Amino acid sequence: MFAPARLSLAILLFVWMSAVQGASANRHGVDFSGHWELDYQMSDHPNEKIRWLYTKAKSEYERALERARNGANVRVDPRGYNYQSIIGLGRLAEKIAQATILDIEQAEDHIVIKRNDDFSLVCDFNAPQPTATPVGSEACTWLEDQLAFQIELSDGLTVYHLISIASNRERMSIATTVHVSSLPYPFTLNRVYMPYEPGEGMYNCEYTIAKQTTCTLGGSETE
């Protein structure tokens, strides 16, 4: 059964591990190439994840306050109970992970992930990591059978993408984590994609300013 990608401490450290080498080897022979469209049913819903993170942050904040009242040497950060910050972080993750269509080209030495309504993710497996960009730095590496990207911007924003695929290639997952240095928590949004042939996708989606992204399936409409 397909288990969507999950971020771990390893992804927070991979830039340092790969700093003097290439993006490591594809030892498992993983192939992400093909055409993919978003599976709305299996993907995270941003509003639900925002509520979950708020509940989690609120609970941790209240436990920290209780420990501080009991004399424990605990630093209580009021930002952990800032609902507006959580909403902002969630909306940013939603914007970054907005792609509904992926076209992936992969070769032995590189991969190009073309995303509709966004820039492509490109990894040169033989290039030194990380690489400098005009706004920060980028890095990519293989973590066993998953491919990880890190984009670090100069304003303290870091974006992680962790990509995995089911052994039968029926589903592919991209877990996108957004972390802002001024906030004590990251926000992860998991998007699941399914293969399709161009022109024969399950969903027909249209972007409008009024309704944002509207998709139709079998005559029904969903936003």
N, C-alpha and C. Protein backbone atom coordinates (compact mmCIF):
# COMPACT_ATOMS: atom_id res chain seq x y z
N MET A 1 0.85 -1.19 0.00
CA MET A 1 0.00 0.00 0.00
C MET A 1 0.88 1.24 0.00
N PHE A 2 0.49 2.25 -0.74
CA PHE A 2 1.31 3.45 -0.90
C PHE A 2 1.25 4.30 0.36
N ALA A 3 2.40 4.63 0.90
CA ALA A 3 2.50 5.53 2.05
C ALA A 3 3.07 6.86 1.57
N PRO A 4 2.32 7.97 1.69
CA PRO A 4 2.82 9.25 1.23
C PRO A 4 4.13 9.63 1.92
N ALA A 5 4.88 10.48 1.26
CA ALA A 5 6.18 10.90 1.79
C ALA A 5 6.01 11.60 3.12
N ARG A 6 6.98 11.37 4.00
CA ARG A 6 7.00 12.04 5.28
C ARG A 6 8.39 12.63 5.51
N LEU A 7 8.41 13.83 6.05
CA LEU A 7 9.68 14.49 6.32
C LEU A 7 10.23 14.03 7.66
N SER A 8 11.54 13.93 7.74
CA SER A 8 12.19 13.53 8.98
C SER A 8 13.39 14.43 9.21
N LEU A 9 14.11 14.18 10.29
CA LEU A 9 15.30 14.97 10.58
C LEU A 9 16.32 14.87 9.46
N ALA A 10 16.31 13.76 8.73
CA ALA A 10 17.28 13.58 7.65
C ALA A 10 17.19 14.68 6.61
N ILE A 11 15.99 15.12 6.31
CA ILE A 11 15.86 16.15 5.27
C ILE A 11 16.37 17.49 5.76
N LEU A 12 16.38 17.71 7.06
CA LEU A 12 16.91 18.95 7.60
C LEU A 12 18.43 18.97 7.60
N LEU A 13 19.04 17.80 7.42
CA LEU A 13 20.48 17.69 7.48
C LEU A 13 21.13 17.40 6.14
N PHE A 14 20.34 17.10 5.11
CA PHE A 14 20.94 16.56 3.90
C PHE A 14 21.80 17.58 3.16
N VAL A 15 21.52 18.87 3.34
CA VAL A 15 22.34 19.87 2.67
C VAL A 15 23.78 19.78 3.15
N TRP A 16 23.96 19.60 4.44
CA TRP A 16 25.31 19.50 4.98
C TRP A 16 25.98 18.19 4.54
N MET A 17 25.23 17.12 4.48
CA MET A 17 25.78 15.84 4.07
C MET A 17 26.20 15.86 2.62
N SER A 18 25.51 16.64 1.78
CA SER A 18 25.79 16.63 0.35
C SER A 18 26.58 17.85 -0.10
N ALA A 19 27.08 18.64 0.84
CA ALA A 19 27.72 19.91 0.49
C ALA A 19 28.98 19.72 -0.34
N VAL A 20 29.68 18.60 -0.18
CA VAL A 20 30.95 18.41 -0.89
C VAL A 20 30.85 17.31 -1.94
N GLN A 21 29.66 16.96 -2.31
CA GLN A 21 29.50 15.91 -3.31
C GLN A 21 28.31 16.23 -4.20
N GLY A 22 27.99 15.32 -5.09
CA GLY A 22 26.81 15.49 -5.92
C GLY A 22 25.57 15.14 -5.13
N ALA A 23 24.48 14.91 -5.84
CA ALA A 23 23.20 14.66 -5.19
C ALA A 23 23.04 13.21 -4.77
N SER A 24 24.14 12.47 -4.64
CA SER A 24 24.17 11.07 -4.24
C SER A 24 23.58 10.19 -5.34
N ALA A 25 23.65 8.89 -5.13
CA ALA A 25 23.26 7.96 -6.20
C ALA A 25 21.82 7.48 -6.05
N ASN A 26 21.21 7.22 -7.19
CA ASN A 26 19.87 6.63 -7.22
C ASN A 26 20.03 5.11 -7.06
N ARG A 27 20.38 4.69 -5.87
CA ARG A 27 20.73 3.29 -5.64
C ARG A 27 19.55 2.34 -5.85
N HIS A 28 18.34 2.85 -5.69
CA HIS A 28 17.15 2.01 -5.81
C HIS A 28 16.55 2.05 -7.22
N GLY A 29 17.18 2.80 -8.13
CA GLY A 29 16.68 2.86 -9.50
C GLY A 29 15.28 3.45 -9.59
N VAL A 30 14.98 4.45 -8.78
CA VAL A 30 13.64 5.05 -8.75
C VAL A 30 13.43 5.90 -10.00
N ASP A 31 12.25 5.77 -10.60
CA ASP A 31 11.93 6.50 -11.83
C ASP A 31 10.64 7.28 -11.61
N PHE A 32 10.74 8.61 -11.62
CA PHE A 32 9.57 9.47 -11.44
C PHE A 32 9.00 9.96 -12.77
N SER A 33 9.61 9.62 -13.87
CA SER A 33 9.24 10.21 -15.16
C SER A 33 7.79 9.88 -15.53
N GLY A 34 7.19 10.81 -16.28
CA GLY A 34 5.82 10.60 -16.75
C GLY A 34 4.97 11.84 -16.54
N HIS A 35 3.68 11.69 -16.81
CA HIS A 35 2.70 12.76 -16.65
C HIS A 35 1.83 12.43 -15.44
N TRP A 36 1.66 13.41 -14.56
CA TRP A 36 0.95 13.19 -13.30
C TRP A 36 -0.06 14.30 -13.05
N GLU A 37 -1.21 13.92 -12.49
CA GLU A 37 -2.20 14.91 -12.08
C GLU A 37 -2.59 14.69 -10.63
N LEU A 38 -3.02 15.76 -9.97
CA LEU A 38 -3.31 15.73 -8.55
C LEU A 38 -4.48 14.81 -8.23
N ASP A 39 -4.30 13.97 -7.22
CA ASP A 39 -5.38 13.16 -6.67
C ASP A 39 -5.93 13.92 -5.46
N TYR A 40 -7.07 14.59 -5.67
CA TYR A 40 -7.61 15.45 -4.62
C TYR A 40 -8.04 14.66 -3.40
N GLN A 41 -8.54 13.45 -3.61
CA GLN A 41 -9.04 12.66 -2.49
C GLN A 41 -7.93 12.21 -1.55
N MET A 42 -6.75 11.88 -2.08
CA MET A 42 -5.66 11.40 -1.25
C MET A 42 -4.76 12.51 -0.73
N SER A 43 -4.90 13.71 -1.26
CA SER A 43 -4.03 14.81 -0.88
C SER A 43 -4.54 15.51 0.38
N ASP A 44 -3.63 16.15 1.09
CA ASP A 44 -4.01 16.93 2.26
C ASP A 44 -4.88 18.11 1.85
N HIS A 45 -5.81 18.45 2.74
CA HIS A 45 -6.62 19.65 2.55
C HIS A 45 -6.04 20.76 3.44
N PRO A 46 -5.64 21.89 2.86
CA PRO A 46 -4.94 22.92 3.63
C PRO A 46 -5.68 23.37 4.89
N ASN A 47 -6.99 23.60 4.81
CA ASN A 47 -7.71 24.07 5.99
C ASN A 47 -7.67 23.07 7.13
N GLU A 48 -7.76 21.79 6.80
CA GLU A 48 -7.69 20.76 7.84
C GLU A 48 -6.30 20.73 8.47
N LYS A 49 -5.25 20.87 7.65
CA LYS A 49 -3.90 20.87 8.20
C LYS A 49 -3.65 22.11 9.05
N ILE A 50 -4.21 23.25 8.66
CA ILE A 50 -4.07 24.47 9.46
C ILE A 50 -4.72 24.28 10.83
N ARG A 51 -5.93 23.71 10.86
CA ARG A 51 -6.60 23.47 12.14
C ARG A 51 -5.81 22.48 12.99
N TRP A 52 -5.27 21.44 12.34
CA TRP A 52 -4.48 20.45 13.08
C TRP A 52 -3.25 21.08 13.70
N LEU A 53 -2.53 21.90 12.92
CA LEU A 53 -1.31 22.53 13.44
C LEU A 53 -1.64 23.51 14.55
N TYR A 54 -2.75 24.23 14.40
CA TYR A 54 -3.15 25.17 15.46
C TYR A 54 -3.44 24.42 16.76
N THR A 55 -4.18 23.32 16.66
CA THR A 55 -4.48 22.53 17.85
C THR A 55 -3.21 21.99 18.50
N LYS A 56 -2.27 21.51 17.67
CA LYS A 56 -1.01 20.99 18.17
C LYS A 56 -0.19 22.09 18.84
N ALA A 57 -0.08 23.25 18.18
CA ALA A 57 0.69 24.36 18.74
C ALA A 57 0.07 24.86 20.04
N LYS A 58 -1.24 24.94 20.07
CA LYS A 58 -1.95 25.40 21.27
C LYS A 58 -1.70 24.44 22.44
N SER A 59 -1.77 23.15 22.17
CA SER A 59 -1.55 22.15 23.20
C SER A 59 -0.12 22.22 23.75
N GLU A 60 0.87 22.34 22.85
CA GLU A 60 2.26 22.41 23.28
C GLU A 60 2.51 23.70 24.07
N TYR A 61 1.90 24.79 23.64
CA TYR A 61 2.06 26.06 24.33
C TYR A 61 1.49 25.99 25.75
N GLU A 62 0.31 25.39 25.88
CA GLU A 62 -0.32 25.28 27.20
C GLU A 62 0.47 24.36 28.12
N ARG A 63 1.05 23.29 27.57
CA ARG A 63 1.87 22.41 28.40
C ARG A 63 3.14 23.12 28.86
N ALA A 64 3.72 23.93 27.97
CA ALA A 64 4.92 24.68 28.34
C ALA A 64 4.61 25.70 29.43
N LEU A 65 3.46 26.37 29.33
CA LEU A 65 3.05 27.32 30.37
C LEU A 65 2.87 26.61 31.71
N GLU A 66 2.27 25.44 31.68
CA GLU A 66 2.04 24.68 32.91
C GLU A 66 3.37 24.28 33.54
N ARG A 67 4.33 23.83 32.72
CA ARG A 67 5.63 23.46 33.26
C ARG A 67 6.36 24.67 33.84
N ALA A 68 6.21 25.84 33.17
CA ALA A 68 6.84 27.07 33.67
C ALA A 68 6.22 27.48 35.00
N ARG A 69 4.90 27.34 35.12
CA ARG A 69 4.24 27.68 36.39
C ARG A 69 4.68 26.75 37.51
N ASN A 70 5.06 25.53 37.15
CA ASN A 70 5.50 24.56 38.16
C ASN A 70 6.99 24.66 38.46
N GLY A 71 7.64 25.69 37.92
CA GLY A 71 9.02 25.93 38.26
C GLY A 71 10.04 25.38 37.29
N ALA A 72 9.60 24.77 36.21
CA ALA A 72 10.54 24.23 35.24
C ALA A 72 11.19 25.36 34.45
N ASN A 73 12.44 25.16 34.09
CA ASN A 73 13.17 26.15 33.30
C ASN A 73 12.79 25.98 31.83
N VAL A 74 11.64 26.50 31.45
CA VAL A 74 11.09 26.32 30.10
C VAL A 74 10.87 27.69 29.47
N ARG A 75 11.37 27.84 28.25
CA ARG A 75 11.13 29.08 27.50
C ARG A 75 9.80 28.97 26.77
N VAL A 76 8.89 29.86 27.10
CA VAL A 76 7.55 29.84 26.50
C VAL A 76 7.49 30.89 25.40
N ASP A 77 7.33 30.45 24.17
CA ASP A 77 7.29 31.34 23.03
C ASP A 77 5.84 31.63 22.66
N PRO A 78 5.36 32.86 22.83
CA PRO A 78 3.95 33.16 22.52
C PRO A 78 3.60 33.00 21.06
N ARG A 79 4.62 32.95 20.18
CA ARG A 79 4.33 32.74 18.76
C ARG A 79 3.73 31.37 18.51
N GLY A 80 3.94 30.44 19.45
CA GLY A 80 3.38 29.10 19.30
C GLY A 80 1.87 29.07 19.41
N TYR A 81 1.28 30.21 19.82
CA TYR A 81 -0.17 30.29 19.97
C TYR A 81 -0.74 31.38 19.08
N ASN A 82 -0.01 31.69 18.02
CA ASN A 82 -0.40 32.76 17.11
C ASN A 82 -1.13 32.17 15.92
N TYR A 83 -2.44 32.22 15.97
CA TYR A 83 -3.25 31.60 14.93
C TYR A 83 -3.03 32.25 13.57
N GLN A 84 -2.83 33.57 13.55
CA GLN A 84 -2.63 34.26 12.28
C GLN A 84 -1.33 33.82 11.62
N SER A 85 -0.29 33.57 12.42
CA SER A 85 0.97 33.09 11.85
C SER A 85 0.79 31.70 11.26
N ILE A 86 0.02 30.85 11.94
CA ILE A 86 -0.23 29.50 11.44
C ILE A 86 -1.01 29.55 10.12
N ILE A 87 -2.02 30.41 10.06
CA ILE A 87 -2.78 30.56 8.82
C ILE A 87 -1.86 31.05 7.70
N GLY A 88 -1.03 32.04 7.99
CA GLY A 88 -0.12 32.57 6.97
C GLY A 88 0.84 31.52 6.47
N LEU A 89 1.38 30.71 7.38
CA LEU A 89 2.30 29.65 7.00
C LEU A 89 1.59 28.60 6.15
N GLY A 90 0.36 28.25 6.54
CA GLY A 90 -0.41 27.27 5.78
C GLY A 90 -0.75 27.76 4.39
N ARG A 91 -1.14 29.03 4.27
CA ARG A 91 -1.48 29.58 2.96
C ARG A 91 -0.24 29.66 2.06
N LEU A 92 0.91 29.94 2.66
CA LEU A 92 2.15 29.96 1.89
C LEU A 92 2.48 28.57 1.37
N ALA A 93 2.34 27.55 2.23
CA ALA A 93 2.58 26.17 1.80
C ALA A 93 1.60 25.78 0.69
N GLU A 94 0.34 26.20 0.84
CA GLU A 94 -0.67 25.89 -0.18
C GLU A 94 -0.30 26.51 -1.52
N LYS A 95 0.20 27.74 -1.49
CA LYS A 95 0.59 28.43 -2.73
C LYS A 95 1.79 27.73 -3.37
N ILE A 96 2.77 27.34 -2.55
CA ILE A 96 3.97 26.70 -3.08
C ILE A 96 3.64 25.33 -3.67
N ALA A 97 2.68 24.62 -3.05
CA ALA A 97 2.32 23.26 -3.50
C ALA A 97 1.07 23.26 -4.36
N GLN A 98 0.83 24.33 -5.11
CA GLN A 98 -0.43 24.48 -5.84
C GLN A 98 -0.49 23.67 -7.14
N ALA A 99 0.62 23.13 -7.61
CA ALA A 99 0.62 22.47 -8.91
C ALA A 99 -0.36 21.31 -8.96
N THR A 100 -1.17 21.25 -10.00
CA THR A 100 -2.11 20.15 -10.21
C THR A 100 -1.65 19.20 -11.30
N ILE A 101 -0.70 19.65 -12.12
CA ILE A 101 -0.16 18.83 -13.20
C ILE A 101 1.36 18.84 -13.13
N LEU A 102 1.96 17.65 -13.23
CA LEU A 102 3.41 17.52 -13.26
C LEU A 102 3.82 16.77 -14.52
N ASP A 103 4.82 17.27 -15.21
CA ASP A 103 5.45 16.57 -16.33
C ASP A 103 6.91 16.36 -15.95
N ILE A 104 7.30 15.11 -15.77
CA ILE A 104 8.62 14.81 -15.23
C ILE A 104 9.48 14.10 -16.27
N GLU A 105 10.65 14.68 -16.51
CA GLU A 105 11.66 14.08 -17.38
C GLU A 105 12.84 13.66 -16.51
N GLN A 106 13.24 12.41 -16.61
CA GLN A 106 14.33 11.93 -15.77
C GLN A 106 15.32 11.13 -16.60
N ALA A 107 16.60 11.38 -16.36
CA ALA A 107 17.69 10.63 -16.98
C ALA A 107 18.63 10.17 -15.88
N GLU A 108 19.68 9.49 -16.27
CA GLU A 108 20.60 8.96 -15.27
C GLU A 108 21.27 10.06 -14.47
N ASP A 109 21.50 11.21 -15.09
CA ASP A 109 22.26 12.27 -14.44
C ASP A 109 21.44 13.49 -14.02
N HIS A 110 20.12 13.50 -14.30
CA HIS A 110 19.34 14.67 -13.91
C HIS A 110 17.84 14.36 -13.92
N ILE A 111 17.07 15.29 -13.33
CA ILE A 111 15.62 15.20 -13.36
C ILE A 111 15.06 16.60 -13.48
N VAL A 112 13.98 16.75 -14.26
CA VAL A 112 13.28 18.02 -14.42
C VAL A 112 11.81 17.78 -14.11
N ILE A 113 11.30 18.47 -13.09
CA ILE A 113 9.90 18.33 -12.69
C ILE A 113 9.19 19.62 -13.09
N LYS A 114 8.45 19.56 -14.18
CA LYS A 114 7.72 20.72 -14.67
C LYS A 114 6.37 20.77 -13.98
N ARG A 115 6.09 21.92 -13.34
CA ARG A 115 4.85 22.10 -12.58
C ARG A 115 4.02 23.21 -13.21
N ASN A 116 2.74 22.94 -13.47
CA ASN A 116 1.90 24.00 -14.02
C ASN A 116 1.76 25.12 -12.99
N ASP A 117 1.74 26.35 -13.46
CA ASP A 117 1.60 27.54 -12.61
C ASP A 117 2.78 27.74 -11.66
N ASP A 118 3.94 27.14 -11.94
CA ASP A 118 5.09 27.32 -11.07
C ASP A 118 6.36 26.98 -11.82
N PHE A 119 7.53 27.32 -11.25
CA PHE A 119 8.79 27.02 -11.90
C PHE A 119 9.13 25.54 -11.73
N SER A 120 9.98 25.05 -12.60
CA SER A 120 10.35 23.63 -12.56
C SER A 120 11.36 23.37 -11.45
N LEU A 121 11.29 22.16 -10.90
CA LEU A 121 12.31 21.68 -9.98
C LEU A 121 13.32 20.90 -10.81
N VAL A 122 14.60 21.28 -10.72
CA VAL A 122 15.64 20.66 -11.52
C VAL A 122 16.75 20.18 -10.60
N CYS A 123 17.19 18.95 -10.81
CA CYS A 123 18.30 18.41 -10.03
C CYS A 123 19.32 17.78 -10.96
N ASP A 124 20.56 18.27 -10.89
CA ASP A 124 21.68 17.68 -11.60
C ASP A 124 22.38 16.77 -10.60
N PHE A 125 22.23 15.45 -10.78
CA PHE A 125 22.73 14.51 -9.79
C PHE A 125 24.25 14.53 -9.65
N ASN A 126 24.94 15.08 -10.63
CA ASN A 126 26.41 15.12 -10.59
C ASN A 126 26.97 16.45 -10.11
N ALA A 127 26.10 17.43 -9.90
CA ALA A 127 26.57 18.77 -9.53
C ALA A 127 26.83 18.86 -8.02
N PRO A 128 27.81 19.65 -7.61
CA PRO A 128 28.04 19.87 -6.17
C PRO A 128 26.80 20.49 -5.53
N GLN A 129 26.56 20.15 -4.27
CA GLN A 129 25.40 20.65 -3.55
C GLN A 129 25.88 21.35 -2.28
N PRO A 130 25.22 22.45 -1.87
CA PRO A 130 24.16 23.16 -2.57
C PRO A 130 24.73 24.09 -3.64
N THR A 131 23.84 24.70 -4.42
CA THR A 131 24.24 25.66 -5.45
C THR A 131 23.64 27.01 -5.13
N ALA A 132 24.39 28.07 -5.40
CA ALA A 132 23.92 29.42 -5.11
C ALA A 132 22.95 29.88 -6.18
N THR A 133 21.96 30.68 -5.77
CA THR A 133 21.01 31.31 -6.68
C THR A 133 20.99 32.81 -6.36
N PRO A 134 20.37 33.61 -7.23
CA PRO A 134 20.31 35.06 -6.94
C PRO A 134 19.58 35.40 -5.65
N VAL A 135 18.74 34.49 -5.15
CA VAL A 135 17.95 34.80 -3.95
C VAL A 135 18.29 33.91 -2.76
N GLY A 136 19.24 32.99 -2.90
CA GLY A 136 19.58 32.12 -1.80
C GLY A 136 20.40 30.93 -2.26
N SER A 137 19.92 29.72 -1.96
CA SER A 137 20.62 28.51 -2.38
C SER A 137 19.63 27.38 -2.59
N GLU A 138 20.04 26.41 -3.41
CA GLU A 138 19.22 25.23 -3.67
C GLU A 138 20.09 23.99 -3.51
N ALA A 139 19.45 22.89 -3.13
CA ALA A 139 20.15 21.62 -3.02
C ALA A 139 19.17 20.49 -3.27
N CYS A 140 19.70 19.35 -3.71
CA CYS A 140 18.87 18.17 -3.93
C CYS A 140 19.72 16.94 -3.66
N THR A 141 19.07 15.88 -3.23
CA THR A 141 19.80 14.65 -2.96
C THR A 141 18.83 13.48 -2.87
N TRP A 142 19.35 12.27 -3.04
CA TRP A 142 18.57 11.07 -2.83
C TRP A 142 18.65 10.67 -1.36
N LEU A 143 17.50 10.41 -0.75
CA LEU A 143 17.42 9.85 0.59
C LEU A 143 16.83 8.45 0.45
N GLU A 144 17.72 7.48 0.23
CA GLU A 144 17.28 6.12 -0.09
C GLU A 144 16.42 6.16 -1.36
N ASP A 145 15.12 5.82 -1.28
CA ASP A 145 14.29 5.79 -2.48
C ASP A 145 13.43 7.04 -2.63
N GLN A 146 13.77 8.11 -1.91
CA GLN A 146 13.07 9.38 -2.02
C GLN A 146 14.03 10.45 -2.52
N LEU A 147 13.48 11.41 -3.24
CA LEU A 147 14.28 12.52 -3.75
C LEU A 147 13.90 13.79 -2.98
N ALA A 148 14.89 14.48 -2.46
CA ALA A 148 14.65 15.66 -1.63
C ALA A 148 15.22 16.91 -2.28
N PHE A 149 14.45 17.99 -2.22
CA PHE A 149 14.88 19.31 -2.66
C PHE A 149 14.82 20.26 -1.47
N GLN A 150 15.79 21.16 -1.39
CA GLN A 150 15.74 22.24 -0.41
C GLN A 150 16.01 23.55 -1.12
N ILE A 151 15.14 24.53 -0.89
CA ILE A 151 15.30 25.87 -1.43
C ILE A 151 15.34 26.82 -0.24
N GLU A 152 16.48 27.46 -0.06
CA GLU A 152 16.68 28.36 1.07
C GLU A 152 16.82 29.78 0.57
N LEU A 153 15.93 30.66 1.04
CA LEU A 153 15.93 32.04 0.60
C LEU A 153 16.60 32.92 1.66
N SER A 154 17.08 34.06 1.21
CA SER A 154 17.86 34.93 2.09
C SER A 154 17.02 35.57 3.19
N ASP A 155 15.69 35.55 3.06
CA ASP A 155 14.84 36.20 4.06
C ASP A 155 14.42 35.25 5.18
N GLY A 156 15.07 34.09 5.28
CA GLY A 156 14.78 33.16 6.37
C GLY A 156 13.73 32.12 6.05
N LEU A 157 13.26 32.08 4.80
CA LEU A 157 12.28 31.08 4.39
C LEU A 157 13.00 29.89 3.75
N THR A 158 12.65 28.69 4.21
CA THR A 158 13.20 27.46 3.64
C THR A 158 12.06 26.56 3.21
N VAL A 159 12.16 26.02 2.00
CA VAL A 159 11.14 25.13 1.45
C VAL A 159 11.78 23.78 1.17
N TYR A 160 11.15 22.72 1.66
CA TYR A 160 11.61 21.36 1.42
C TYR A 160 10.55 20.62 0.60
N HIS A 161 10.99 19.87 -0.40
CA HIS A 161 10.12 18.96 -1.13
C HIS A 161 10.69 17.55 -0.99
N LEU A 162 9.89 16.62 -0.53
CA LEU A 162 10.31 15.23 -0.43
C LEU A 162 9.39 14.39 -1.32
N ILE A 163 9.98 13.72 -2.32
CA ILE A 163 9.21 13.05 -3.36
C ILE A 163 9.39 11.55 -3.25
N SER A 164 8.28 10.83 -3.29
CA SER A 164 8.33 9.36 -3.25
C SER A 164 7.29 8.81 -4.21
N ILE A 165 7.47 7.55 -4.59
CA ILE A 165 6.57 6.94 -5.56
C ILE A 165 6.27 5.51 -5.14
N ALA A 166 5.03 5.07 -5.40
CA ALA A 166 4.64 3.70 -5.09
C ALA A 166 5.36 2.72 -6.01
N SER A 167 5.59 1.52 -5.53
CA SER A 167 6.31 0.53 -6.33
C SER A 167 5.58 0.19 -7.63
N ASN A 168 4.23 0.30 -7.62
CA ASN A 168 3.46 0.02 -8.83
C ASN A 168 3.23 1.27 -9.69
N ARG A 169 3.82 2.40 -9.27
CA ARG A 169 3.74 3.67 -10.00
C ARG A 169 2.31 4.18 -10.14
N GLU A 170 1.40 3.75 -9.30
CA GLU A 170 0.03 4.24 -9.38
C GLU A 170 -0.15 5.58 -8.67
N ARG A 171 0.74 5.90 -7.73
CA ARG A 171 0.67 7.17 -7.03
C ARG A 171 2.08 7.68 -6.75
N MET A 172 2.21 9.00 -6.75
CA MET A 172 3.44 9.66 -6.38
C MET A 172 3.11 10.77 -5.39
N SER A 173 3.96 10.94 -4.40
CA SER A 173 3.69 11.91 -3.34
C SER A 173 4.78 12.97 -3.29
N ILE A 174 4.37 14.22 -3.07
CA ILE A 174 5.31 15.31 -2.80
C ILE A 174 4.90 15.96 -1.49
N ALA A 175 5.72 15.80 -0.46
CA ALA A 175 5.49 16.45 0.82
C ALA A 175 6.27 17.76 0.82
N THR A 176 5.55 18.88 0.88
CA THR A 176 6.16 20.20 0.86
C THR A 176 6.10 20.80 2.25
N THR A 177 7.28 21.12 2.79
CA THR A 177 7.37 21.73 4.12
C THR A 177 7.92 23.14 4.00
N VAL A 178 7.23 24.07 4.64
CA VAL A 178 7.66 25.46 4.67
C VAL A 178 8.08 25.81 6.09
N HIS A 179 9.28 26.36 6.22
CA HIS A 179 9.78 26.76 7.53
C HIS A 179 10.28 28.19 7.47
N VAL A 180 9.83 29.01 8.40
CA VAL A 180 10.26 30.39 8.50
C VAL A 180 11.07 30.53 9.79
N SER A 181 12.26 31.11 9.69
CA SER A 181 13.16 31.14 10.84
C SER A 181 12.57 31.88 12.03
N SER A 182 11.63 32.79 11.81
CA SER A 182 11.05 33.56 12.91
C SER A 182 9.92 32.82 13.62
N LEU A 183 9.52 31.66 13.11
CA LEU A 183 8.43 30.90 13.72
C LEU A 183 8.96 29.57 14.24
N PRO A 184 8.38 29.06 15.34
CA PRO A 184 8.92 27.86 15.99
C PRO A 184 8.45 26.55 15.38
N TYR A 185 7.63 26.60 14.34
CA TYR A 185 7.09 25.37 13.79
C TYR A 185 7.08 25.42 12.26
N PRO A 186 7.25 24.28 11.61
CA PRO A 186 7.11 24.21 10.15
C PRO A 186 5.68 23.81 9.79
N PHE A 187 5.35 23.89 8.52
CA PHE A 187 4.04 23.46 8.02
C PHE A 187 4.27 22.54 6.83
N THR A 188 3.71 21.34 6.90
CA THR A 188 3.88 20.35 5.82
C THR A 188 2.54 20.06 5.16
N LEU A 189 2.56 20.09 3.84
CA LEU A 189 1.37 19.78 3.05
C LEU A 189 1.74 18.66 2.08
N ASN A 190 1.00 17.56 2.14
CA ASN A 190 1.30 16.40 1.29
C ASN A 190 0.34 16.35 0.11
N ARG A 191 0.90 16.33 -1.09
CA ARG A 191 0.11 16.24 -2.32
C ARG A 191 0.39 14.90 -2.98
N VAL A 192 -0.66 14.20 -3.38
CA VAL A 192 -0.53 12.90 -4.02
C VAL A 192 -0.98 13.03 -5.48
N TYR A 193 -0.21 12.43 -6.37
CA TYR A 193 -0.48 12.52 -7.81
C TYR A 193 -0.66 11.13 -8.41
N MET A 194 -1.44 11.07 -9.47
CA MET A 194 -1.68 9.81 -10.18
C MET A 194 -1.31 9.99 -11.65
N PRO A 195 -0.89 8.91 -12.32
CA PRO A 195 -0.49 9.04 -13.72
C PRO A 195 -1.68 9.29 -14.64
N TYR A 196 -1.43 9.97 -15.72
CA TYR A 196 -2.49 10.21 -16.71
C TYR A 196 -1.84 10.42 -18.07
N GLU A 197 -2.62 10.25 -19.10
CA GLU A 197 -2.18 10.56 -20.45
C GLU A 197 -2.71 11.94 -20.82
N PRO A 198 -1.87 12.83 -21.33
CA PRO A 198 -2.32 14.17 -21.68
C PRO A 198 -3.58 14.14 -22.53
N GLY A 199 -4.57 14.93 -22.13
CA GLY A 199 -5.85 14.96 -22.83
C GLY A 199 -6.85 13.98 -22.29
N GLU A 200 -6.42 13.11 -21.35
CA GLU A 200 -7.32 12.09 -20.81
C GLU A 200 -7.34 12.11 -19.28
N GLY A 201 -7.06 13.27 -18.69
CA GLY A 201 -7.00 13.35 -17.23
C GLY A 201 -8.36 13.17 -16.60
N MET A 202 -8.33 12.78 -15.32
CA MET A 202 -9.57 12.58 -14.59
C MET A 202 -10.27 13.90 -14.29
N TYR A 203 -9.48 14.97 -14.06
CA TYR A 203 -10.03 16.27 -13.69
C TYR A 203 -9.78 17.28 -14.78
N ASN A 204 -10.75 18.18 -14.99
CA ASN A 204 -10.58 19.34 -15.84
C ASN A 204 -10.62 20.57 -14.95
N CYS A 205 -9.50 21.29 -14.85
CA CYS A 205 -9.39 22.38 -13.90
C CYS A 205 -9.21 23.71 -14.62
N GLU A 206 -9.84 24.74 -14.05
CA GLU A 206 -9.76 26.08 -14.60
C GLU A 206 -9.53 27.05 -13.46
N TYR A 207 -8.60 27.98 -13.64
CA TYR A 207 -8.30 28.97 -12.60
C TYR A 207 -9.01 30.27 -12.93
N THR A 208 -9.77 30.79 -11.96
CA THR A 208 -10.41 32.09 -12.10
C THR A 208 -10.14 32.89 -10.83
N ILE A 209 -10.14 34.22 -10.95
CA ILE A 209 -9.89 35.06 -9.78
C ILE A 209 -11.01 34.89 -8.76
N ALA A 210 -12.23 34.74 -9.21
CA ALA A 210 -13.36 34.65 -8.29
C ALA A 210 -13.38 33.33 -7.53
N LYS A 211 -13.16 32.22 -8.25
CA LYS A 211 -13.30 30.90 -7.64
C LYS A 211 -11.97 30.20 -7.39
N GLN A 212 -10.86 30.87 -7.71
CA GLN A 212 -9.56 30.22 -7.64
C GLN A 212 -9.55 29.03 -8.59
N THR A 213 -9.16 27.84 -8.13
CA THR A 213 -9.11 26.67 -9.02
C THR A 213 -10.41 25.88 -8.91
N THR A 214 -11.12 25.74 -10.02
CA THR A 214 -12.35 24.97 -10.07
C THR A 214 -12.14 23.76 -10.95
N CYS A 215 -12.48 22.56 -10.43
CA CYS A 215 -12.26 21.33 -11.17
C CYS A 215 -13.57 20.58 -11.36
N THR A 216 -13.72 19.96 -12.50
CA THR A 216 -14.91 19.17 -12.78
C THR A 216 -14.53 17.72 -12.97
N LEU A 217 -15.38 16.84 -12.50
CA LEU A 217 -15.18 15.40 -12.61
C LEU A 217 -16.53 14.76 -12.89
N GLY A 218 -16.68 14.20 -14.07
CA GLY A 218 -17.93 13.51 -14.38
C GLY A 218 -19.15 14.40 -14.28
N GLY A 219 -18.99 15.69 -14.63
CA GLY A 219 -20.13 16.59 -14.60
C GLY A 219 -20.31 17.29 -13.27
N SER A 220 -19.57 16.88 -12.21
CA SER A 220 -19.68 17.54 -10.92
C SER A 220 -18.60 18.59 -10.81
N GLU A 221 -18.74 19.51 -9.87
CA GLU A 221 -17.81 20.60 -9.71
C GLU A 221 -17.30 20.64 -8.29
N THR A 222 -15.99 20.88 -8.15
CA THR A 222 -15.40 21.00 -6.83
C THR A 222 -14.36 22.10 -6.84
N GLU A 223 -14.13 22.70 -5.69
CA GLU A 223 -13.14 23.78 -5.60
C GLU A 223 -12.08 23.37 -4.62
